Amino acid sequence: MANSTTVKLVASCIAVVLWLLMVSGAEAAVTCSEVTQQLSPCVDYLMYGGKIPSACCDGVKQVKAASTSGEDRRTACSCILESAAMIPGLDYNLISSLPSQCGVSLPYKISPSTDCSRDQLRCPTLEMDSNDKRIKLQKWEEACRS
């Protein structure tokens, strides 16, 4: 009898822990403060041009890597546009070309007219090579469901 009660208690504890892990994983992984912090090394370049600091491209890549769901991409997009609007003198031509200059593909253009709530932010840009087409397509489809 004690064994049955112990097993039920352990099973209940495991179920609660799994539920907590699922709930905490459902939150957006990207916050505006993280995006701002990661992209702060880019500000001088975006105002004055010149050579892109490696820390800037590292930040761009970190934001892209963290933006795994549609909600994450919308959060990052909104944060970038809101932050850029508060810094006078930023060159939006440099801003919009920054991701590609850093070797990153975004599913949206960074410009004052970008609507971060649009469906285009739901699905990431599909990048395929000849080796992993099926796996990448599956990951893309999963990302588009979120």
N, C-alpha and C. Protein backbone atom coordinates (compact mmCIF):
# COMPACT_ATOMS: atom_id res chain seq x y z
N MET A 1 0.81 -1.19 0.00
CA MET A 1 0.00 0.00 0.00
C MET A 1 0.86 1.27 0.00
N ALA A 2 1.92 1.24 0.80
CA ALA A 2 2.82 2.38 0.85
C ALA A 2 3.50 2.59 -0.50
N ASN A 3 3.81 1.50 -1.17
CA ASN A 3 4.44 1.61 -2.48
C ASN A 3 3.53 2.29 -3.49
N SER A 4 2.27 1.95 -3.46
CA SER A 4 1.30 2.54 -4.37
C SER A 4 1.17 4.04 -4.11
N THR A 5 1.13 4.43 -2.87
CA THR A 5 1.02 5.85 -2.51
C THR A 5 2.29 6.60 -2.93
N THR A 6 3.43 6.00 -2.71
CA THR A 6 4.70 6.63 -3.08
C THR A 6 4.79 6.80 -4.59
N VAL A 7 4.40 5.80 -5.33
CA VAL A 7 4.43 5.88 -6.79
C VAL A 7 3.51 6.99 -7.28
N LYS A 8 2.32 7.09 -6.70
CA LYS A 8 1.38 8.14 -7.10
C LYS A 8 1.95 9.53 -6.78
N LEU A 9 2.59 9.65 -5.63
CA LEU A 9 3.16 10.93 -5.22
C LEU A 9 4.31 11.34 -6.16
N VAL A 10 5.17 10.40 -6.48
CA VAL A 10 6.29 10.67 -7.39
C VAL A 10 5.75 11.02 -8.78
N ALA A 11 4.77 10.28 -9.25
CA ALA A 11 4.17 10.56 -10.56
C ALA A 11 3.54 11.95 -10.59
N SER A 12 2.88 12.33 -9.51
CA SER A 12 2.28 13.66 -9.42
C SER A 12 3.34 14.75 -9.45
N CYS A 13 4.42 14.54 -8.72
CA CYS A 13 5.51 15.51 -8.70
C CYS A 13 6.14 15.67 -10.09
N ILE A 14 6.34 14.55 -10.76
CA ILE A 14 6.91 14.60 -12.11
C ILE A 14 5.97 15.34 -13.05
N ALA A 15 4.68 15.08 -12.94
CA ALA A 15 3.70 15.77 -13.79
C ALA A 15 3.73 17.27 -13.55
N VAL A 16 3.83 17.69 -12.29
CA VAL A 16 3.88 19.13 -11.97
C VAL A 16 5.15 19.76 -12.54
N VAL A 17 6.28 19.09 -12.38
CA VAL A 17 7.54 19.62 -12.90
C VAL A 17 7.48 19.74 -14.42
N LEU A 18 6.97 18.73 -15.09
CA LEU A 18 6.84 18.80 -16.55
C LEU A 18 5.91 19.92 -16.98
N TRP A 19 4.81 20.10 -16.26
CA TRP A 19 3.88 21.17 -16.58
C TRP A 19 4.56 22.53 -16.41
N LEU A 20 5.32 22.70 -15.34
CA LEU A 20 6.03 23.97 -15.11
C LEU A 20 7.05 24.24 -16.21
N LEU A 21 7.74 23.21 -16.65
CA LEU A 21 8.70 23.38 -17.74
C LEU A 21 8.00 23.78 -19.03
N MET A 22 6.85 23.18 -19.30
CA MET A 22 6.11 23.52 -20.51
C MET A 22 5.60 24.94 -20.45
N VAL A 23 5.09 25.37 -19.32
CA VAL A 23 4.55 26.72 -19.17
C VAL A 23 5.66 27.75 -19.29
N SER A 24 6.79 27.51 -18.64
CA SER A 24 7.89 28.49 -18.71
C SER A 24 8.45 28.55 -20.12
N GLY A 25 8.42 27.46 -20.87
CA GLY A 25 8.91 27.46 -22.24
C GLY A 25 7.97 28.14 -23.20
N ALA A 26 6.72 28.36 -22.80
CA ALA A 26 5.75 28.98 -23.69
C ALA A 26 5.91 30.49 -23.76
N GLU A 27 6.65 31.09 -22.83
CA GLU A 27 6.84 32.53 -22.84
C GLU A 27 7.76 32.91 -23.99
N ALA A 28 7.64 34.17 -24.43
CA ALA A 28 8.52 34.65 -25.48
C ALA A 28 9.96 34.62 -25.00
N ALA A 29 10.84 34.15 -25.85
CA ALA A 29 12.25 34.04 -25.47
C ALA A 29 12.97 35.37 -25.62
N VAL A 30 12.42 36.28 -26.37
CA VAL A 30 13.07 37.56 -26.66
C VAL A 30 12.40 38.67 -25.86
N THR A 31 13.23 39.48 -25.21
CA THR A 31 12.71 40.68 -24.53
C THR A 31 13.33 41.90 -25.19
N CYS A 32 12.65 43.03 -25.05
CA CYS A 32 13.15 44.26 -25.65
C CYS A 32 14.48 44.67 -25.03
N SER A 33 14.63 44.48 -23.74
CA SER A 33 15.89 44.87 -23.11
C SER A 33 17.05 44.03 -23.65
N GLU A 34 16.81 42.75 -23.92
CA GLU A 34 17.86 41.90 -24.50
C GLU A 34 18.22 42.38 -25.92
N VAL A 35 17.21 42.67 -26.72
CA VAL A 35 17.44 43.13 -28.09
C VAL A 35 18.24 44.43 -28.06
N THR A 36 17.83 45.36 -27.21
CA THR A 36 18.53 46.65 -27.11
C THR A 36 19.98 46.45 -26.70
N GLN A 37 20.19 45.62 -25.71
CA GLN A 37 21.54 45.36 -25.23
C GLN A 37 22.40 44.71 -26.32
N GLN A 38 21.84 43.73 -27.03
CA GLN A 38 22.61 43.02 -28.05
C GLN A 38 22.93 43.90 -29.25
N LEU A 39 22.06 44.86 -29.54
CA LEU A 39 22.29 45.71 -30.72
C LEU A 39 22.95 47.05 -30.39
N SER A 40 23.19 47.34 -29.13
CA SER A 40 23.79 48.62 -28.76
C SER A 40 25.17 48.86 -29.41
N PRO A 41 25.98 47.82 -29.65
CA PRO A 41 27.26 48.08 -30.33
C PRO A 41 27.11 48.58 -31.77
N CYS A 42 25.90 48.58 -32.29
CA CYS A 42 25.66 48.98 -33.68
C CYS A 42 25.36 50.48 -33.82
N VAL A 43 25.07 51.16 -32.74
CA VAL A 43 24.55 52.53 -32.83
C VAL A 43 25.51 53.47 -33.55
N ASP A 44 26.79 53.48 -33.20
CA ASP A 44 27.73 54.39 -33.87
C ASP A 44 27.80 54.13 -35.36
N TYR A 45 27.85 52.86 -35.74
CA TYR A 45 27.86 52.52 -37.16
C TYR A 45 26.59 53.01 -37.85
N LEU A 46 25.45 52.83 -37.21
CA LEU A 46 24.18 53.21 -37.82
C LEU A 46 24.00 54.72 -37.91
N MET A 47 24.79 55.46 -37.16
CA MET A 47 24.74 56.93 -37.25
C MET A 47 25.77 57.47 -38.23
N TYR A 48 26.97 56.90 -38.21
CA TYR A 48 28.09 57.50 -38.94
C TYR A 48 28.64 56.63 -40.07
N GLY A 49 28.20 55.37 -40.16
CA GLY A 49 28.73 54.49 -41.19
C GLY A 49 30.11 53.98 -40.81
N GLY A 50 30.88 53.60 -41.82
CA GLY A 50 32.22 53.07 -41.56
C GLY A 50 32.21 51.56 -41.49
N LYS A 51 33.13 51.03 -40.71
CA LYS A 51 33.25 49.59 -40.56
C LYS A 51 32.29 49.10 -39.48
N ILE A 52 31.59 48.01 -39.77
CA ILE A 52 30.65 47.43 -38.79
C ILE A 52 31.46 46.72 -37.71
N PRO A 53 31.27 47.10 -36.44
CA PRO A 53 31.98 46.41 -35.37
C PRO A 53 31.56 44.94 -35.30
N SER A 54 32.51 44.07 -35.01
CA SER A 54 32.17 42.65 -34.92
C SER A 54 31.16 42.40 -33.80
N ALA A 55 31.21 43.19 -32.73
CA ALA A 55 30.23 43.04 -31.64
C ALA A 55 28.82 43.36 -32.14
N CYS A 56 28.72 44.25 -33.11
CA CYS A 56 27.41 44.58 -33.69
C CYS A 56 26.85 43.37 -34.43
N CYS A 57 27.66 42.77 -35.31
CA CYS A 57 27.19 41.59 -36.04
C CYS A 57 26.91 40.43 -35.10
N ASP A 58 27.71 40.30 -34.05
CA ASP A 58 27.43 39.26 -33.05
C ASP A 58 26.05 39.48 -32.44
N GLY A 59 25.72 40.74 -32.15
CA GLY A 59 24.41 41.05 -31.58
C GLY A 59 23.28 40.77 -32.55
N VAL A 60 23.48 41.12 -33.82
CA VAL A 60 22.46 40.85 -34.84
C VAL A 60 22.20 39.34 -34.92
N LYS A 61 23.29 38.57 -34.90
CA LYS A 61 23.15 37.11 -34.97
C LYS A 61 22.49 36.55 -33.72
N GLN A 62 22.77 37.13 -32.56
CA GLN A 62 22.14 36.67 -31.32
C GLN A 62 20.64 36.94 -31.33
N VAL A 63 20.25 38.12 -31.80
CA VAL A 63 18.82 38.45 -31.88
C VAL A 63 18.13 37.50 -32.84
N LYS A 64 18.74 37.25 -33.99
CA LYS A 64 18.15 36.31 -34.96
C LYS A 64 18.01 34.91 -34.36
N ALA A 65 19.07 34.44 -33.69
CA ALA A 65 19.04 33.09 -33.10
C ALA A 65 18.00 32.98 -32.00
N ALA A 66 17.79 34.04 -31.25
CA ALA A 66 16.83 34.00 -30.15
C ALA A 66 15.39 34.13 -30.64
N SER A 67 15.21 34.65 -31.83
CA SER A 67 13.87 34.90 -32.38
C SER A 67 13.35 33.66 -33.10
N THR A 68 12.97 32.66 -32.32
CA THR A 68 12.60 31.37 -32.90
C THR A 68 11.12 31.24 -33.23
N SER A 69 10.28 32.04 -32.60
CA SER A 69 8.84 31.95 -32.86
C SER A 69 8.35 33.24 -33.51
N GLY A 70 7.15 33.19 -34.02
CA GLY A 70 6.55 34.39 -34.60
C GLY A 70 6.45 35.50 -33.58
N GLU A 71 6.09 35.17 -32.36
CA GLU A 71 5.99 36.17 -31.29
C GLU A 71 7.35 36.79 -30.99
N ASP A 72 8.39 35.96 -30.98
CA ASP A 72 9.75 36.47 -30.77
C ASP A 72 10.14 37.45 -31.87
N ARG A 73 9.84 37.10 -33.13
CA ARG A 73 10.19 37.97 -34.25
C ARG A 73 9.42 39.28 -34.18
N ARG A 74 8.14 39.22 -33.81
CA ARG A 74 7.36 40.46 -33.67
C ARG A 74 7.91 41.32 -32.54
N THR A 75 8.30 40.70 -31.43
CA THR A 75 8.87 41.44 -30.30
C THR A 75 10.18 42.11 -30.72
N ALA A 76 11.07 41.35 -31.36
CA ALA A 76 12.35 41.92 -31.79
C ALA A 76 12.13 43.05 -32.79
N CYS A 77 11.26 42.85 -33.74
CA CYS A 77 10.96 43.88 -34.75
C CYS A 77 10.46 45.15 -34.08
N SER A 78 9.47 45.03 -33.21
CA SER A 78 8.91 46.21 -32.53
C SER A 78 9.97 46.92 -31.70
N CYS A 79 10.77 46.16 -31.00
CA CYS A 79 11.79 46.75 -30.17
C CYS A 79 12.82 47.51 -31.01
N ILE A 80 13.25 46.92 -32.11
CA ILE A 80 14.22 47.57 -32.98
C ILE A 80 13.66 48.89 -33.50
N LEU A 81 12.42 48.86 -33.97
CA LEU A 81 11.83 50.08 -34.53
C LEU A 81 11.59 51.14 -33.46
N GLU A 82 11.11 50.73 -32.30
CA GLU A 82 10.87 51.69 -31.20
C GLU A 82 12.18 52.30 -30.72
N SER A 83 13.21 51.48 -30.59
CA SER A 83 14.51 51.99 -30.14
C SER A 83 15.11 52.92 -31.18
N ALA A 84 15.04 52.54 -32.44
CA ALA A 84 15.60 53.37 -33.52
C ALA A 84 14.91 54.73 -33.58
N ALA A 85 13.61 54.76 -33.33
CA ALA A 85 12.86 56.01 -33.37
C ALA A 85 13.30 56.98 -32.27
N MET A 86 13.88 56.46 -31.21
CA MET A 86 14.31 57.32 -30.09
C MET A 86 15.73 57.84 -30.25
N ILE A 87 16.44 57.40 -31.30
CA ILE A 87 17.83 57.83 -31.50
C ILE A 87 17.89 58.69 -32.75
N PRO A 88 17.99 60.01 -32.58
CA PRO A 88 18.04 60.87 -33.77
C PRO A 88 19.34 60.65 -34.55
N GLY A 89 19.23 60.73 -35.86
CA GLY A 89 20.41 60.66 -36.70
C GLY A 89 20.75 59.27 -37.23
N LEU A 90 19.93 58.28 -36.91
CA LEU A 90 20.21 56.94 -37.45
C LEU A 90 19.90 56.93 -38.94
N ASP A 91 20.73 56.24 -39.69
CA ASP A 91 20.58 56.13 -41.13
C ASP A 91 19.81 54.84 -41.43
N TYR A 92 18.56 54.98 -41.85
CA TYR A 92 17.72 53.79 -42.08
C TYR A 92 18.22 52.95 -43.26
N ASN A 93 18.99 53.53 -44.18
CA ASN A 93 19.59 52.71 -45.23
C ASN A 93 20.61 51.75 -44.63
N LEU A 94 21.41 52.26 -43.67
CA LEU A 94 22.37 51.39 -42.99
C LEU A 94 21.65 50.36 -42.12
N ILE A 95 20.56 50.79 -41.47
CA ILE A 95 19.80 49.87 -40.63
C ILE A 95 19.23 48.72 -41.46
N SER A 96 18.62 49.05 -42.58
CA SER A 96 17.97 48.00 -43.38
C SER A 96 18.98 47.06 -44.02
N SER A 97 20.20 47.53 -44.27
CA SER A 97 21.20 46.65 -44.88
C SER A 97 22.05 45.91 -43.84
N LEU A 98 21.94 46.28 -42.57
CA LEU A 98 22.78 45.68 -41.54
C LEU A 98 22.66 44.15 -41.44
N PRO A 99 21.45 43.60 -41.40
CA PRO A 99 21.38 42.13 -41.29
C PRO A 99 22.15 41.41 -42.39
N SER A 100 21.96 41.82 -43.65
CA SER A 100 22.66 41.13 -44.74
C SER A 100 24.16 41.39 -44.66
N GLN A 101 24.56 42.57 -44.21
CA GLN A 101 25.99 42.86 -44.05
C GLN A 101 26.62 41.94 -43.00
N CYS A 102 25.79 41.50 -42.05
CA CYS A 102 26.27 40.59 -41.00
C CYS A 102 26.01 39.13 -41.34
N GLY A 103 25.51 38.86 -42.55
CA GLY A 103 25.28 37.48 -42.97
C GLY A 103 24.01 36.87 -42.40
N VAL A 104 23.03 37.73 -42.09
CA VAL A 104 21.78 37.27 -41.48
C VAL A 104 20.62 37.63 -42.39
N SER A 105 19.67 36.72 -42.52
CA SER A 105 18.48 36.96 -43.31
C SER A 105 17.29 37.13 -42.37
N LEU A 106 16.55 38.22 -42.52
CA LEU A 106 15.37 38.47 -41.71
C LEU A 106 14.11 38.38 -42.58
N PRO A 107 12.98 37.99 -41.98
CA PRO A 107 11.74 37.91 -42.76
C PRO A 107 11.03 39.26 -42.89
N TYR A 108 11.72 40.34 -42.53
CA TYR A 108 11.14 41.68 -42.64
C TYR A 108 12.25 42.69 -42.89
N LYS A 109 11.88 43.82 -43.46
CA LYS A 109 12.82 44.91 -43.68
C LYS A 109 12.70 45.87 -42.50
N ILE A 110 13.82 46.33 -42.04
CA ILE A 110 13.80 47.28 -40.93
C ILE A 110 13.67 48.68 -41.52
N SER A 111 12.50 49.26 -41.36
CA SER A 111 12.24 50.61 -41.83
C SER A 111 11.10 51.18 -40.99
N PRO A 112 10.99 52.52 -40.95
CA PRO A 112 9.92 53.11 -40.15
C PRO A 112 8.52 52.68 -40.58
N SER A 113 8.37 52.22 -41.81
CA SER A 113 7.04 51.83 -42.30
C SER A 113 6.75 50.34 -42.07
N THR A 114 7.67 49.59 -41.49
CA THR A 114 7.44 48.17 -41.25
C THR A 114 6.35 47.97 -40.21
N ASP A 115 5.41 47.09 -40.52
CA ASP A 115 4.35 46.72 -39.58
C ASP A 115 4.76 45.41 -38.91
N CYS A 116 5.22 45.50 -37.68
CA CYS A 116 5.75 44.33 -36.97
C CYS A 116 4.66 43.31 -36.61
N SER A 117 3.41 43.66 -36.77
CA SER A 117 2.34 42.72 -36.43
C SER A 117 1.92 41.85 -37.62
N ARG A 118 2.47 42.10 -38.79
CA ARG A 118 2.05 41.38 -40.00
C ARG A 118 2.43 39.91 -39.96
N ASP A 119 1.72 39.12 -40.74
CA ASP A 119 1.95 37.68 -40.82
C ASP A 119 3.32 37.31 -41.34
N GLN A 120 3.96 38.21 -42.10
CA GLN A 120 5.27 37.87 -42.65
C GLN A 120 6.27 37.57 -41.53
N LEU A 121 6.00 38.05 -40.33
CA LEU A 121 6.91 37.79 -39.21
C LEU A 121 6.63 36.46 -38.55
N ARG A 122 5.54 35.85 -38.92
CA ARG A 122 5.18 34.56 -38.32
C ARG A 122 6.13 33.46 -38.77
N CYS A 123 6.49 33.47 -40.03
CA CYS A 123 7.35 32.41 -40.58
C CYS A 123 8.73 32.96 -40.87
N PRO A 124 9.77 32.25 -40.46
CA PRO A 124 11.13 32.69 -40.78
C PRO A 124 11.41 32.49 -42.26
N THR A 125 12.43 33.18 -42.74
CA THR A 125 12.87 32.99 -44.11
C THR A 125 13.38 31.56 -44.24
N LEU A 126 12.94 30.88 -45.27
CA LEU A 126 13.35 29.49 -45.49
C LEU A 126 14.66 29.48 -46.26
N GLU A 127 15.68 28.97 -45.62
CA GLU A 127 16.99 28.85 -46.25
C GLU A 127 17.29 27.37 -46.40
N MET A 128 17.58 26.94 -47.62
CA MET A 128 17.78 25.51 -47.86
C MET A 128 19.12 25.29 -48.54
N ASP A 129 19.73 24.19 -48.20
CA ASP A 129 20.86 23.70 -48.97
C ASP A 129 20.49 22.30 -49.44
N SER A 130 21.32 21.73 -50.25
CA SER A 130 20.95 20.46 -50.88
C SER A 130 20.94 19.28 -49.91
N ASN A 131 21.57 19.39 -48.75
CA ASN A 131 21.71 18.25 -47.85
C ASN A 131 20.53 18.04 -46.91
N ASP A 132 19.98 19.10 -46.37
CA ASP A 132 19.00 18.98 -45.28
C ASP A 132 17.61 19.49 -45.66
N LYS A 133 17.21 19.39 -46.89
CA LYS A 133 15.96 20.01 -47.32
C LYS A 133 14.76 19.57 -46.49
N ARG A 134 14.61 18.30 -46.26
CA ARG A 134 13.45 17.81 -45.54
C ARG A 134 13.45 18.30 -44.09
N ILE A 135 14.60 18.23 -43.42
CA ILE A 135 14.69 18.65 -42.03
C ILE A 135 14.42 20.14 -41.90
N LYS A 136 15.02 20.94 -42.78
CA LYS A 136 14.80 22.39 -42.72
C LYS A 136 13.35 22.74 -43.02
N LEU A 137 12.73 22.04 -43.94
CA LEU A 137 11.33 22.29 -44.25
C LEU A 137 10.45 21.95 -43.05
N GLN A 138 10.75 20.86 -42.35
CA GLN A 138 9.99 20.50 -41.15
C GLN A 138 10.14 21.57 -40.07
N LYS A 139 11.37 22.05 -39.85
CA LYS A 139 11.60 23.09 -38.84
C LYS A 139 10.88 24.37 -39.23
N TRP A 140 10.88 24.70 -40.52
CA TRP A 140 10.19 25.89 -41.00
C TRP A 140 8.69 25.78 -40.74
N GLU A 141 8.13 24.61 -41.06
CA GLU A 141 6.70 24.41 -40.83
C GLU A 141 6.35 24.50 -39.35
N GLU A 142 7.22 23.97 -38.49
CA GLU A 142 6.99 24.06 -37.04
C GLU A 142 7.02 25.52 -36.60
N ALA A 143 7.98 26.29 -37.09
CA ALA A 143 8.09 27.69 -36.71
C ALA A 143 6.88 28.49 -37.18
N CYS A 144 6.32 28.12 -38.30
CA CYS A 144 5.17 28.86 -38.83
C CYS A 144 3.90 28.56 -38.05
N ARG A 145 3.88 27.47 -37.32
CA ARG A 145 2.70 27.14 -36.50
C ARG A 145 2.70 27.92 -35.19
N SER A 146 3.85 28.46 -34.80
CA SER A 146 3.93 29.15 -33.50
C SER A 146 3.52 30.58 -33.60
